[in-house]
Amino acid sequence: MADDLREIIDLAKREMPDVPAETWDRLVRIIRQNFGAQRAYIASQKKGQHLAALEASGEQSSERISQMLGISVRYARQLKKLR
């Protein structure tokens, strides 16, 4: 987890440079205290990402959405119904 955690924190630091270093250190300390010696699993939450992209794209055809997201037209229709 140490290497994975460090990579995750480094990525987050690059994406959020406004967060103080003390906050990152505190976060790492809390994670290590509570989850040390455990393998980390982080779900990708693709459905949530697809729904967010769908919202951002506005009203488009299912065919266009399927091309944009790399999913089937049928799944694009299902996502549109969830909105």
N, C-alpha and C. Protein backbone atom coordinates (compact mmCIF):
# COMPACT_ATOMS: atom_id res chain seq x y z
N MET A 1 0.82 -1.20 0.00
CA MET A 1 0.00 0.00 0.00
C MET A 1 0.86 1.26 0.00
N ALA A 2 2.05 1.15 0.56
CA ALA A 2 2.90 2.34 0.69
C ALA A 2 3.15 2.99 -0.67
N ASP A 3 3.58 2.18 -1.64
CA ASP A 3 3.86 2.74 -2.96
C ASP A 3 2.57 3.23 -3.62
N ASP A 4 1.51 2.43 -3.53
CA ASP A 4 0.24 2.83 -4.12
C ASP A 4 -0.30 4.10 -3.47
N LEU A 5 -0.22 4.15 -2.16
CA LEU A 5 -0.71 5.33 -1.45
C LEU A 5 0.09 6.57 -1.85
N ARG A 6 1.38 6.45 -1.93
CA ARG A 6 2.22 7.59 -2.30
C ARG A 6 1.88 8.06 -3.71
N GLU A 7 1.66 7.12 -4.63
CA GLU A 7 1.29 7.50 -6.01
C GLU A 7 -0.04 8.23 -6.03
N ILE A 8 -1.00 7.73 -5.26
CA ILE A 8 -2.33 8.35 -5.21
C ILE A 8 -2.24 9.76 -4.64
N ILE A 9 -1.51 9.90 -3.55
CA ILE A 9 -1.36 11.22 -2.91
C ILE A 9 -0.61 12.17 -3.84
N ASP A 10 0.43 11.70 -4.51
CA ASP A 10 1.18 12.57 -5.44
C ASP A 10 0.29 13.06 -6.57
N LEU A 11 -0.55 12.17 -7.10
CA LEU A 11 -1.48 12.57 -8.16
C LEU A 11 -2.46 13.62 -7.64
N ALA A 12 -3.00 13.38 -6.45
CA ALA A 12 -3.95 14.33 -5.87
C ALA A 12 -3.28 15.69 -5.61
N LYS A 13 -2.04 15.67 -5.16
CA LYS A 13 -1.31 16.93 -4.93
C LYS A 13 -1.16 17.73 -6.21
N ARG A 14 -0.86 17.05 -7.31
CA ARG A 14 -0.71 17.75 -8.59
C ARG A 14 -2.04 18.34 -9.04
N GLU A 15 -3.13 17.64 -8.79
CA GLU A 15 -4.45 18.11 -9.22
C GLU A 15 -5.01 19.19 -8.31
N MET A 16 -4.55 19.23 -7.05
CA MET A 16 -5.07 20.20 -6.08
C MET A 16 -3.92 20.93 -5.38
N PRO A 17 -3.21 21.78 -6.11
CA PRO A 17 -2.04 22.44 -5.52
C PRO A 17 -2.39 23.42 -4.40
N ASP A 18 -3.66 23.78 -4.28
CA ASP A 18 -4.07 24.73 -3.24
C ASP A 18 -4.20 24.09 -1.86
N VAL A 19 -4.14 22.76 -1.78
CA VAL A 19 -4.24 22.08 -0.48
C VAL A 19 -2.88 22.11 0.19
N PRO A 20 -2.83 22.56 1.45
CA PRO A 20 -1.53 22.68 2.15
C PRO A 20 -0.87 21.32 2.39
N ALA A 21 0.45 21.32 2.45
CA ALA A 21 1.23 20.09 2.67
C ALA A 21 0.85 19.42 3.98
N GLU A 22 0.54 20.20 4.99
CA GLU A 22 0.16 19.63 6.29
C GLU A 22 -1.09 18.78 6.18
N THR A 23 -2.01 19.17 5.31
CA THR A 23 -3.24 18.41 5.11
C THR A 23 -2.93 17.07 4.48
N TRP A 24 -2.04 17.05 3.48
CA TRP A 24 -1.65 15.79 2.85
C TRP A 24 -0.96 14.88 3.86
N ASP A 25 -0.06 15.44 4.66
CA ASP A 25 0.64 14.64 5.68
C ASP A 25 -0.36 14.05 6.67
N ARG A 26 -1.32 14.83 7.07
CA ARG A 26 -2.34 14.35 8.01
C ARG A 26 -3.18 13.24 7.38
N LEU A 27 -3.54 13.40 6.12
CA LEU A 27 -4.32 12.39 5.41
C LEU A 27 -3.54 11.08 5.33
N VAL A 28 -2.27 11.14 4.96
CA VAL A 28 -1.44 9.94 4.87
C VAL A 28 -1.35 9.27 6.23
N ARG A 29 -1.15 10.05 7.28
CA ARG A 29 -1.05 9.50 8.63
C ARG A 29 -2.34 8.78 9.04
N ILE A 30 -3.49 9.39 8.77
CA ILE A 30 -4.77 8.79 9.11
C ILE A 30 -4.99 7.49 8.33
N ILE A 31 -4.68 7.50 7.04
CA ILE A 31 -4.85 6.29 6.22
C ILE A 31 -3.95 5.18 6.73
N ARG A 32 -2.70 5.49 7.02
CA ARG A 32 -1.77 4.46 7.50
C ARG A 32 -2.20 3.91 8.86
N GLN A 33 -2.71 4.76 9.75
CA GLN A 33 -3.15 4.29 11.06
C GLN A 33 -4.34 3.35 10.95
N ASN A 34 -5.26 3.66 10.05
CA ASN A 34 -6.49 2.90 9.96
C ASN A 34 -6.47 1.76 8.95
N PHE A 35 -5.61 1.84 7.95
CA PHE A 35 -5.62 0.84 6.89
C PHE A 35 -4.23 0.28 6.59
N GLY A 36 -3.28 0.47 7.48
CA GLY A 36 -1.93 -0.01 7.27
C GLY A 36 -1.90 -1.52 7.07
N ALA A 37 -0.98 -2.00 6.25
CA ALA A 37 -0.79 -3.42 5.94
C ALA A 37 -1.98 -4.03 5.22
N GLN A 38 -2.82 -3.23 4.62
CA GLN A 38 -3.93 -3.72 3.82
C GLN A 38 -3.74 -3.30 2.38
N ARG A 39 -4.20 -4.14 1.48
CA ARG A 39 -4.12 -3.81 0.07
C ARG A 39 -5.30 -2.90 -0.28
N ALA A 40 -5.02 -1.84 -0.97
CA ALA A 40 -6.07 -0.86 -1.32
C ALA A 40 -6.82 -1.30 -2.56
N TYR A 41 -8.14 -1.15 -2.54
CA TYR A 41 -8.97 -1.37 -3.72
C TYR A 41 -9.78 -0.11 -3.92
N ILE A 42 -9.70 0.46 -5.10
CA ILE A 42 -10.43 1.68 -5.40
C ILE A 42 -11.30 1.42 -6.62
N ALA A 43 -12.61 1.41 -6.42
CA ALA A 43 -13.54 1.16 -7.51
C ALA A 43 -13.50 2.33 -8.50
N SER A 44 -13.64 2.02 -9.77
CA SER A 44 -13.54 3.07 -10.78
C SER A 44 -14.81 3.88 -10.95
N GLN A 45 -15.95 3.34 -10.56
CA GLN A 45 -17.25 4.02 -10.65
C GLN A 45 -17.52 4.54 -12.06
N LYS A 46 -17.41 3.64 -13.04
CA LYS A 46 -17.59 4.05 -14.44
C LYS A 46 -18.99 4.58 -14.71
N LYS A 47 -20.00 3.97 -14.08
CA LYS A 47 -21.35 4.45 -14.34
C LYS A 47 -21.49 5.92 -13.92
N GLY A 48 -20.94 6.26 -12.77
CA GLY A 48 -21.00 7.64 -12.31
C GLY A 48 -20.25 8.59 -13.24
N GLN A 49 -19.11 8.14 -13.73
CA GLN A 49 -18.34 8.96 -14.67
C GLN A 49 -19.10 9.13 -15.97
N HIS A 50 -19.74 8.06 -16.44
CA HIS A 50 -20.52 8.15 -17.67
C HIS A 50 -21.71 9.09 -17.49
N LEU A 51 -22.38 9.01 -16.34
CA LEU A 51 -23.52 9.89 -16.10
C LEU A 51 -23.08 11.35 -16.04
N ALA A 52 -21.94 11.60 -15.42
CA ALA A 52 -21.43 12.98 -15.36
C ALA A 52 -21.10 13.49 -16.76
N ALA A 53 -20.48 12.66 -17.58
CA ALA A 53 -20.16 13.05 -18.96
C ALA A 53 -21.44 13.27 -19.76
N LEU A 54 -22.44 12.46 -19.49
CA LEU A 54 -23.72 12.60 -20.18
C LEU A 54 -24.38 13.93 -19.82
N GLU A 55 -24.34 14.29 -18.55
CA GLU A 55 -24.89 15.58 -18.12
C GLU A 55 -24.15 16.74 -18.78
N ALA A 56 -22.85 16.63 -18.85
CA ALA A 56 -22.04 17.71 -19.42
C ALA A 56 -22.24 17.85 -20.92
N SER A 57 -22.61 16.76 -21.58
CA SER A 57 -22.74 16.79 -23.04
C SER A 57 -24.06 17.39 -23.51
N GLY A 58 -25.03 17.52 -22.61
CA GLY A 58 -26.32 18.06 -23.01
C GLY A 58 -27.15 17.03 -23.73
N GLU A 59 -28.14 17.49 -24.47
CA GLU A 59 -29.03 16.59 -25.20
C GLU A 59 -28.39 16.16 -26.51
N GLN A 60 -28.04 14.89 -26.58
CA GLN A 60 -27.47 14.32 -27.80
C GLN A 60 -28.11 12.97 -28.04
N SER A 61 -27.97 12.47 -29.23
CA SER A 61 -28.54 11.18 -29.58
C SER A 61 -27.78 10.06 -28.85
N SER A 62 -28.45 8.94 -28.68
CA SER A 62 -27.83 7.78 -28.05
C SER A 62 -26.62 7.31 -28.87
N GLU A 63 -26.73 7.43 -30.18
CA GLU A 63 -25.62 7.01 -31.05
C GLU A 63 -24.39 7.88 -30.80
N ARG A 64 -24.60 9.18 -30.71
CA ARG A 64 -23.49 10.11 -30.47
C ARG A 64 -22.88 9.87 -29.08
N ILE A 65 -23.72 9.65 -28.09
CA ILE A 65 -23.24 9.40 -26.73
C ILE A 65 -22.42 8.11 -26.70
N SER A 66 -22.89 7.07 -27.40
CA SER A 66 -22.15 5.81 -27.41
C SER A 66 -20.76 5.98 -28.03
N GLN A 67 -20.67 6.78 -29.07
CA GLN A 67 -19.37 7.05 -29.70
C GLN A 67 -18.48 7.85 -28.76
N MET A 68 -19.06 8.85 -28.12
CA MET A 68 -18.31 9.73 -27.24
C MET A 68 -17.73 8.98 -26.04
N LEU A 69 -18.53 8.07 -25.45
CA LEU A 69 -18.11 7.37 -24.25
C LEU A 69 -17.50 6.00 -24.52
N GLY A 70 -17.59 5.53 -25.77
CA GLY A 70 -17.05 4.21 -26.09
C GLY A 70 -17.89 3.09 -25.50
N ILE A 71 -19.21 3.28 -25.51
CA ILE A 71 -20.13 2.27 -24.97
C ILE A 71 -21.14 1.90 -26.06
N SER A 72 -21.93 0.88 -25.79
CA SER A 72 -22.93 0.47 -26.78
C SER A 72 -24.08 1.47 -26.81
N VAL A 73 -24.79 1.50 -27.91
CA VAL A 73 -25.96 2.38 -28.05
C VAL A 73 -27.01 1.99 -27.01
N ARG A 74 -27.17 0.69 -26.81
CA ARG A 74 -28.15 0.21 -25.82
C ARG A 74 -27.82 0.74 -24.42
N TYR A 75 -26.55 0.67 -24.03
CA TYR A 75 -26.16 1.17 -22.71
C TYR A 75 -26.32 2.69 -22.64
N ALA A 76 -26.05 3.38 -23.74
CA ALA A 76 -26.25 4.83 -23.78
C ALA A 76 -27.72 5.16 -23.53
N ARG A 77 -28.63 4.39 -24.11
CA ARG A 77 -30.06 4.60 -23.87
C ARG A 77 -30.42 4.37 -22.41
N GLN A 78 -29.82 3.33 -21.81
CA GLN A 78 -30.08 3.04 -20.41
C GLN A 78 -29.61 4.19 -19.53
N LEU A 79 -28.44 4.73 -19.84
CA LEU A 79 -27.90 5.85 -19.06
C LEU A 79 -28.80 7.09 -19.20
N LYS A 80 -29.30 7.33 -20.41
CA LYS A 80 -30.18 8.48 -20.63
C LYS A 80 -31.45 8.36 -19.79
N LYS A 81 -31.94 7.15 -19.61
CA LYS A 81 -33.13 6.94 -18.78
C LYS A 81 -32.87 7.21 -17.31
N LEU A 82 -31.64 7.02 -16.89
CA LEU A 82 -31.28 7.25 -15.49
C LEU A 82 -31.20 8.72 -15.11
N ARG A 83 -31.04 9.57 -16.12
CA ARG A 83 -30.91 11.00 -15.83
C ARG A 83 -32.13 11.57 -15.23
